């Protein structure tokens, strides 16, 4: 029987996806274009080329692509341990922080267990939770576009296994203070893993967010989640990591796909840590541009919450959002729209940022003034 005959046979059963998979919404990545005059500001990537040290490390390792990488990522984990002041046994790595998060959900959640997170936050959260057969519990953001920790604490049940705290929050950029997270941890059962997702931590001004390593040392149920995709500019190589109690970290390493972090990614990550001063200089420039853009947008009449990520967030209803997205598209500027909520704009080079400012100034004059 041919494939066409099999598909049309009335009594022939075909393989079907799990219900949880068939009902999943797809993760929507930032849009891309090959156009030469396109400002790609939808994915929160670093607009800088790779750090020279990371590019050199990749070039040097390219000749070994015929070999499997170190599945245990020993060199990278040991270098991360020195960088963070922990042991290698407390570190787990994966293909980006989202890959490590999948290891966390897989490692801790059985079918029917619950994972609490703010909403709107990182779009992959509900997808990974539902894929594991667990139940996502979305808690609306507060009026300041940040986490409503009181409501999150009130949502805890006997089935709660993981709580995700994204700081600075993606896509709103609002951080959670150290004091608020500490008070939250005091109110939450110690058998619930509290994941502090710090994908954008390098862009945050000192004192705006938590001292997560201090919280981790005080509360063994804390897990820190970070990535090399943003400030370190390794989005295309996919490497992230978690810091957790040794037993948890070991479980995350067990749930990881074998060889999921390539040898090139491991070498680039080590080299990037060794080039921390170069990374910090780039981050400082992004912070400066973020401050400049926010000041000008507020002067134009846009209402913004202070962002601590490498992006800005504009809250917009469906009517305003549709007009904004259309205006950006016509101007060749790719931004990230969130249906019913708003638009996120990555902070990039000054020229691209100026294009955004000019467009929003014109749009403000016709819509909000």
Protein backbone atom coordinates (compact mmCIF):
# COMPACT_ATOMS: atom_id res chain seq x y z
CA UNK A 1 0.00 0.00 0.00
CA UNK A 2 1.38 3.38 -0.95
CA UNK A 3 1.60 6.30 1.47
CA UNK A 4 -1.35 8.05 -0.25
CA UNK A 5 -3.44 4.89 -0.07
CA UNK A 6 -2.59 4.45 3.61
CA UNK A 7 -3.63 8.01 4.43
CA UNK A 8 -6.98 7.63 2.65
CA UNK A 9 -7.89 4.11 3.79
CA UNK A 10 -11.04 4.48 5.96
CA UNK A 11 -10.13 1.89 8.61
CA UNK A 12 -6.38 2.44 8.83
CA UNK A 13 -5.12 3.80 12.15
CA UNK A 14 -2.18 6.17 11.96
CA UNK A 15 0.25 7.22 14.70
CA UNK A 16 -1.04 10.14 16.74
CA UNK A 17 0.68 12.69 18.91
CA UNK A 18 0.07 12.78 22.64
CA UNK A 19 -2.83 15.03 23.50
CA UNK A 20 -0.52 17.34 25.44
CA UNK A 21 1.67 17.76 22.36
CA UNK A 22 -1.12 18.15 19.83
CA UNK A 23 -2.63 20.96 21.90
CA UNK A 24 0.59 22.87 22.47
CA UNK A 25 0.89 26.35 21.01
CA UNK A 26 4.11 26.65 19.02
CA UNK A 27 6.90 28.77 20.44
CA UNK A 28 7.03 31.90 18.29
CA UNK A 29 10.62 33.07 17.72
CA UNK A 30 11.52 36.62 16.85
CA UNK A 31 10.97 37.31 13.18
CA UNK A 32 13.91 37.41 10.80
CA UNK A 33 14.68 38.91 7.43
CA UNK A 34 17.59 38.81 5.04
CA UNK A 35 16.98 42.41 4.00
CA UNK A 36 20.00 44.69 4.22
CA UNK A 37 18.06 47.60 5.73
CA UNK A 38 16.15 45.60 8.32
CA UNK A 39 16.61 46.37 12.01
CA UNK A 40 16.22 42.98 13.71
CA UNK A 41 14.98 43.92 17.17
CA UNK A 42 12.64 41.02 17.92
CA UNK A 43 14.79 38.36 19.58
CA UNK A 44 16.80 40.17 22.30
CA UNK A 45 20.04 38.96 20.75
CA UNK A 46 23.25 40.87 21.26
CA UNK A 47 23.74 43.17 18.28
CA UNK A 48 27.51 42.85 18.68
CA UNK A 49 29.56 40.28 16.83
CA UNK A 50 30.87 37.44 19.02
CA UNK A 51 33.52 38.34 21.56
CA UNK A 52 36.91 37.95 19.83
CA UNK A 53 38.02 35.41 22.43
CA UNK A 54 34.90 33.31 21.85
CA UNK A 55 35.28 33.46 18.05
CA UNK A 56 38.92 32.38 18.36
CA UNK A 57 37.97 29.49 20.63
CA UNK A 58 35.36 28.28 18.16
CA UNK A 59 37.80 28.51 15.26
CA UNK A 60 40.38 26.52 17.21
CA UNK A 61 37.83 23.85 18.12
CA UNK A 62 36.32 23.58 14.64
CA UNK A 63 38.78 20.90 13.63
CA UNK A 64 37.34 18.50 16.20
CA UNK A 65 33.74 18.62 14.97
CA UNK A 66 33.99 14.95 14.01
CA UNK A 67 34.22 14.05 17.71
CA UNK A 68 31.47 14.04 20.30
CA UNK A 69 31.65 16.80 22.90
CA UNK A 70 32.23 16.12 26.59
CA UNK A 71 28.73 15.16 27.66
CA UNK A 72 29.54 16.07 31.27
CA UNK A 73 30.90 19.49 30.24
CA UNK A 74 33.55 19.16 32.94
CA UNK A 75 35.77 22.05 31.85
CA UNK A 76 32.83 24.45 31.50
CA UNK A 77 31.25 23.41 34.78
CA UNK A 78 34.53 23.82 36.62
CA UNK A 79 35.09 27.25 35.07
CA UNK A 80 31.55 28.30 35.97
CA UNK A 81 32.10 27.04 39.51
CA UNK A 82 35.18 29.26 39.91
CA UNK A 83 33.31 32.19 38.40
CA UNK A 84 30.36 31.82 40.78
CA UNK A 85 32.06 30.57 43.91
CA UNK A 86 30.31 27.20 43.96
CA UNK A 87 31.39 23.64 43.24
CA UNK A 88 31.17 21.92 39.88
CA UNK A 89 28.73 19.48 41.47
CA UNK A 90 26.27 22.35 41.89
CA UNK A 91 26.33 23.24 38.18
CA UNK A 92 24.31 21.72 35.33
CA UNK A 93 24.50 22.88 31.72
CA UNK A 94 22.21 22.53 28.74
CA UNK A 95 21.35 23.95 25.30
CA UNK A 96 20.49 27.46 26.43
CA UNK A 97 18.67 28.31 29.63
CA UNK A 98 15.47 27.04 28.02
CA UNK A 99 17.11 23.64 27.57
CA UNK A 100 18.15 23.60 31.22
CA UNK A 101 14.63 24.65 32.21
CA UNK A 102 13.25 21.67 30.32
CA UNK A 103 15.63 19.50 32.35
CA UNK A 104 14.28 21.11 35.53
CA UNK A 105 10.63 20.51 34.64
CA UNK A 106 11.32 16.98 33.45
CA UNK A 107 13.35 16.19 36.54
CA UNK A 108 10.86 17.45 39.11
CA UNK A 109 7.34 17.22 37.69
CA UNK A 110 5.06 14.23 37.32
CA UNK A 111 1.79 14.35 35.42
CA UNK A 112 -0.65 16.66 37.17
CA UNK A 113 1.97 18.53 39.19
CA UNK A 114 1.85 22.32 39.07
CA UNK A 115 4.34 24.97 38.01
CA UNK A 116 3.59 28.57 39.00
CA UNK A 117 4.88 31.54 37.03
CA UNK A 118 3.97 35.14 36.29
CA UNK A 119 2.13 36.03 33.11
CA UNK A 120 3.01 37.54 30.87
CA UNK A 121 6.54 36.16 31.13
CA UNK A 122 8.81 33.95 29.01
CA UNK A 123 6.62 32.25 26.41
CA UNK A 124 8.37 28.90 26.71
CA UNK A 125 7.24 28.43 30.31
CA UNK A 126 3.73 27.04 29.64
CA UNK A 127 4.96 25.04 26.66
CA UNK A 128 7.61 23.18 28.66
CA UNK A 129 5.24 22.61 31.57
CA UNK A 130 2.47 21.16 29.40
CA UNK A 131 4.95 19.05 27.46
CA UNK A 132 5.90 17.36 30.73
CA UNK A 133 2.24 16.66 31.48
CA UNK A 134 2.25 19.14 34.35
CA UNK A 135 -0.18 22.03 34.82
CA UNK A 136 0.89 25.63 34.21
CA UNK A 137 -0.44 28.12 36.76
CA UNK A 138 -0.29 31.64 35.32
CA UNK A 139 -0.40 34.55 37.79
CA UNK A 140 -1.13 37.96 36.23
CA UNK A 141 1.51 40.65 36.54
CA UNK A 142 0.87 43.51 38.93
CA UNK A 143 0.11 47.06 37.82
CA UNK A 144 3.82 47.86 37.62
CA UNK A 145 4.35 45.02 35.08
CA UNK A 146 6.18 42.94 37.70
CA UNK A 147 5.62 39.72 39.63
CA UNK A 148 2.71 39.64 42.08
CA UNK A 149 4.51 37.52 44.65
CA UNK A 150 1.63 37.57 47.14
CA UNK A 151 -0.70 36.11 44.53
CA UNK A 152 1.94 33.55 43.53
CA UNK A 153 2.35 32.45 47.14
CA UNK A 154 -1.43 32.19 47.51
CA UNK A 155 -1.59 29.95 44.43
CA UNK A 156 0.61 27.24 45.98
CA UNK A 157 -1.12 23.88 46.47
CA UNK A 158 -0.09 20.39 47.48
CA UNK A 159 0.71 19.71 43.80
CA UNK A 160 3.07 22.67 43.37
CA UNK A 161 6.57 21.44 42.48
CA UNK A 162 8.26 24.44 40.82
CA UNK A 163 7.89 28.22 40.92
CA UNK A 164 9.54 30.33 38.20
CA UNK A 165 10.66 33.89 38.96
CA UNK A 166 11.92 35.73 35.89
CA UNK A 167 14.05 38.73 36.86
CA UNK A 168 14.35 41.00 34.96
CA UNK A 169 11.06 39.78 33.58
CA UNK A 170 10.81 38.98 29.88
CA UNK A 171 9.11 40.82 28.14
CA UNK A 172 8.45 43.69 30.58
CA UNK A 173 12.00 44.18 31.90
CA UNK A 174 10.85 44.66 35.51
CA UNK A 175 13.15 43.08 38.13
CA UNK A 176 12.26 41.55 41.50
CA UNK A 177 14.13 43.01 44.45
CA UNK A 178 16.25 40.90 46.78
CA UNK A 179 14.04 41.75 49.75
CA UNK A 180 10.84 40.70 47.98
CA UNK A 181 12.25 37.36 46.87
CA UNK A 182 13.65 36.67 50.33
CA UNK A 183 10.27 37.33 51.93
CA UNK A 184 8.67 35.11 49.31
CA UNK A 185 11.09 32.28 50.02
CA UNK A 186 10.27 32.49 53.71
CA UNK A 187 6.61 31.94 52.89
CA UNK A 188 7.04 29.00 50.48
CA UNK A 189 7.46 25.36 51.41
CA UNK A 190 11.05 24.17 51.29
CA UNK A 191 10.13 21.19 49.08
CA UNK A 192 9.18 23.51 46.19
CA UNK A 193 11.99 24.40 43.80
CA UNK A 194 12.09 28.17 43.27
CA UNK A 195 13.88 28.92 39.99
CA UNK A 196 15.32 32.43 39.68
CA UNK A 197 15.54 32.85 35.91
CA UNK A 198 18.22 35.47 35.24
CA UNK A 199 18.67 35.32 31.49
CA UNK A 200 19.17 39.11 31.41
CA UNK A 201 20.95 39.59 34.73
CA UNK A 202 24.09 41.10 33.17
CA UNK A 203 22.06 44.04 31.85
CA UNK A 204 20.53 44.89 35.24
CA UNK A 205 21.87 47.79 37.27
CA UNK A 206 23.42 46.79 40.58
CA UNK A 207 20.90 46.63 43.38
CA UNK A 208 17.79 46.42 41.20
CA UNK A 209 17.43 42.65 41.39
CA UNK A 210 18.27 39.90 43.84
CA UNK A 211 21.64 38.71 45.05
CA UNK A 212 20.67 35.29 43.80
CA UNK A 213 23.80 33.45 44.90
CA UNK A 214 23.31 34.72 48.45
CA UNK A 215 19.71 33.52 48.37
CA UNK A 216 20.83 30.17 47.00
CA UNK A 217 23.30 29.72 49.84
CA UNK A 218 20.60 30.53 52.39
CA UNK A 219 17.72 28.61 50.82
CA UNK A 220 18.60 25.15 49.42
CA UNK A 221 15.38 25.05 47.38
CA UNK A 222 16.59 27.94 45.19
CA UNK A 223 17.85 27.22 41.68
CA UNK A 224 19.57 29.90 39.59
CA UNK A 225 19.10 29.77 35.81
CA UNK A 226 21.33 31.76 33.43
CA UNK A 227 22.42 31.79 29.80
CA UNK A 228 25.26 32.75 27.47
CA UNK A 229 22.77 33.69 24.74
CA UNK A 230 22.26 37.34 25.66
CA UNK A 231 25.07 39.48 27.08
CA UNK A 232 27.77 36.99 26.06
CA UNK A 233 26.46 36.86 22.49
CA UNK A 234 26.34 33.08 22.04
CA UNK A 235 22.68 32.74 21.04
CA UNK A 236 23.59 30.68 17.99
CA UNK A 237 25.58 28.11 19.96
CA UNK A 238 22.99 27.31 22.64
CA UNK A 239 24.54 27.04 26.10
CA UNK A 240 23.00 27.86 29.45
CA UNK A 241 23.41 26.66 33.00
CA UNK A 242 21.79 26.20 36.39
CA UNK A 243 23.16 26.39 39.92
CA UNK A 244 21.32 24.14 42.33
CA UNK A 245 21.83 21.92 45.35
CA UNK A 246 24.10 19.00 44.38
CA UNK A 247 21.31 16.41 44.36
CA UNK A 248 19.13 18.64 42.16
CA UNK A 249 22.01 19.52 39.84
CA UNK A 250 22.84 15.84 39.45
CA UNK A 251 19.24 15.16 38.51
CA UNK A 252 19.36 17.91 35.90
CA UNK A 253 22.47 16.36 34.37
CA UNK A 254 20.70 13.00 34.24
CA UNK A 255 17.69 14.42 32.41
CA UNK A 256 19.82 16.23 29.81
CA UNK A 257 20.00 14.83 26.30
CA UNK A 258 23.44 13.29 25.78
CA UNK A 259 25.89 15.65 24.06
CA UNK A 260 23.30 18.44 23.96
CA UNK A 261 25.90 21.21 24.36
CA UNK A 262 28.37 21.11 21.49
CA UNK A 263 32.12 21.20 21.98
CA UNK A 264 32.22 24.55 20.17
CA UNK A 265 29.62 25.98 22.54
CA UNK A 266 31.52 24.74 25.58
CA UNK A 267 34.81 26.24 24.39
CA UNK A 268 33.12 29.53 23.48
CA UNK A 269 31.44 29.76 26.88
CA UNK A 270 34.72 29.21 28.74
CA UNK A 271 36.44 31.82 26.58
CA UNK A 272 33.56 34.25 27.16
CA UNK A 273 33.90 33.94 30.92
CA UNK A 274 37.61 34.69 30.55
CA UNK A 275 36.71 37.81 28.54
CA UNK A 276 34.40 39.27 31.15
CA UNK A 277 35.77 42.82 30.86
CA UNK A 278 34.99 42.94 27.13
CA UNK A 279 31.47 41.70 27.82
CA UNK A 280 30.94 44.29 30.55
CA UNK A 281 32.00 47.10 28.23
CA UNK A 282 29.37 46.02 25.72
CA UNK A 283 26.73 45.73 28.42
CA UNK A 284 27.52 49.24 29.65
CA UNK A 285 26.93 50.60 26.15
CA UNK A 286 23.55 48.83 25.97
CA UNK A 287 22.55 50.23 29.36
CA UNK A 288 23.45 53.71 28.17
CA UNK A 289 21.34 53.32 25.04
CA UNK A 290 18.48 51.85 27.08
CA UNK A 291 18.49 54.91 29.34
CA UNK A 292 18.66 57.29 26.38
CA UNK A 293 15.79 55.59 24.57
CA UNK A 294 13.57 55.40 27.66
CA UNK A 295 14.05 59.10 28.40
CA UNK A 296 13.16 60.13 24.87
CA UNK A 297 10.14 57.84 24.68
CA UNK A 298 8.77 59.14 27.96
CA UNK A 299 9.25 62.69 26.66
CA UNK A 300 7.21 61.68 23.60
CA UNK A 301 4.35 60.59 25.87
CA UNK A 302 4.90 56.83 26.04
CA UNK A 303 4.42 55.28 29.48
CA UNK A 304 7.22 52.86 30.28
CA UNK A 305 8.24 50.81 33.28
CA UNK A 306 11.99 50.97 33.98
CA UNK A 307 13.53 48.02 32.13
CA UNK A 308 16.59 46.17 33.39
CA UNK A 309 16.90 43.93 30.32
CA UNK A 310 18.36 44.70 26.90
CA UNK A 311 14.89 45.68 25.70
CA UNK A 312 12.02 48.08 26.28
CA UNK A 313 8.35 47.22 26.75
CA UNK A 314 5.35 49.23 25.58
CA UNK A 315 1.98 48.14 26.91
CA UNK A 316 -0.59 48.32 24.12
CA UNK A 317 -4.16 47.17 23.59
CA UNK A 318 -5.12 45.40 20.36
CA UNK A 319 -5.91 48.60 18.47
CA UNK A 320 -2.69 50.38 19.41
CA UNK A 321 -0.67 47.20 18.98
CA UNK A 322 -1.94 46.59 15.45
CA UNK A 323 -1.01 50.13 14.44
CA UNK A 324 2.42 49.87 16.01
CA UNK A 325 3.27 46.55 14.39
CA UNK A 326 2.13 47.80 11.00
CA UNK A 327 4.22 50.96 11.36
CA UNK A 328 7.29 48.98 12.39
CA UNK A 329 6.84 46.53 9.53
CA UNK A 330 6.58 49.32 6.97
CA UNK A 331 9.70 50.94 8.40
CA UNK A 332 11.71 47.71 8.18
CA UNK A 333 12.02 47.35 11.95
CA UNK A 334 11.28 43.91 13.37
CA UNK A 335 9.94 43.94 16.93
CA UNK A 336 8.20 41.35 19.08
CA UNK A 337 4.43 41.77 19.46
CA UNK A 338 2.46 39.98 22.19
CA UNK A 339 -1.21 39.71 21.31
CA UNK A 340 -3.38 41.65 23.70
CA UNK A 341 -0.47 42.90 25.78
CA UNK A 342 2.17 44.98 24.04
CA UNK A 343 5.38 45.15 22.08
CA UNK A 344 8.98 44.43 23.09
CA UNK A 345 11.84 46.25 21.38
CA UNK A 346 15.43 45.07 21.68
CA UNK A 347 17.98 47.79 22.41
CA UNK A 348 20.62 47.62 19.68
CA UNK A 349 23.12 49.97 18.04
CA UNK A 350 22.47 53.75 18.20
CA UNK A 351 21.47 53.98 14.53
CA UNK A 352 18.82 51.26 14.86
CA UNK A 353 17.63 52.76 18.12
CA UNK A 354 17.28 56.16 16.46
CA UNK A 355 15.02 54.58 13.82
CA UNK A 356 12.80 53.28 16.60
CA UNK A 357 12.71 56.67 18.32
CA UNK A 358 11.75 58.49 15.11
CA UNK A 359 8.99 56.01 14.33
CA UNK A 360 7.53 56.11 17.85
CA UNK A 361 7.69 59.89 17.94
CA UNK A 362 5.61 60.08 14.77
CA UNK A 363 3.22 57.40 16.03
CA UNK A 364 2.80 59.12 19.39
CA UNK A 365 1.92 62.37 17.69
CA UNK A 366 -0.96 60.70 15.88
CA UNK A 367 -2.25 58.36 18.58
CA UNK A 368 -1.44 59.35 22.17
CA UNK A 369 -1.08 63.15 21.99
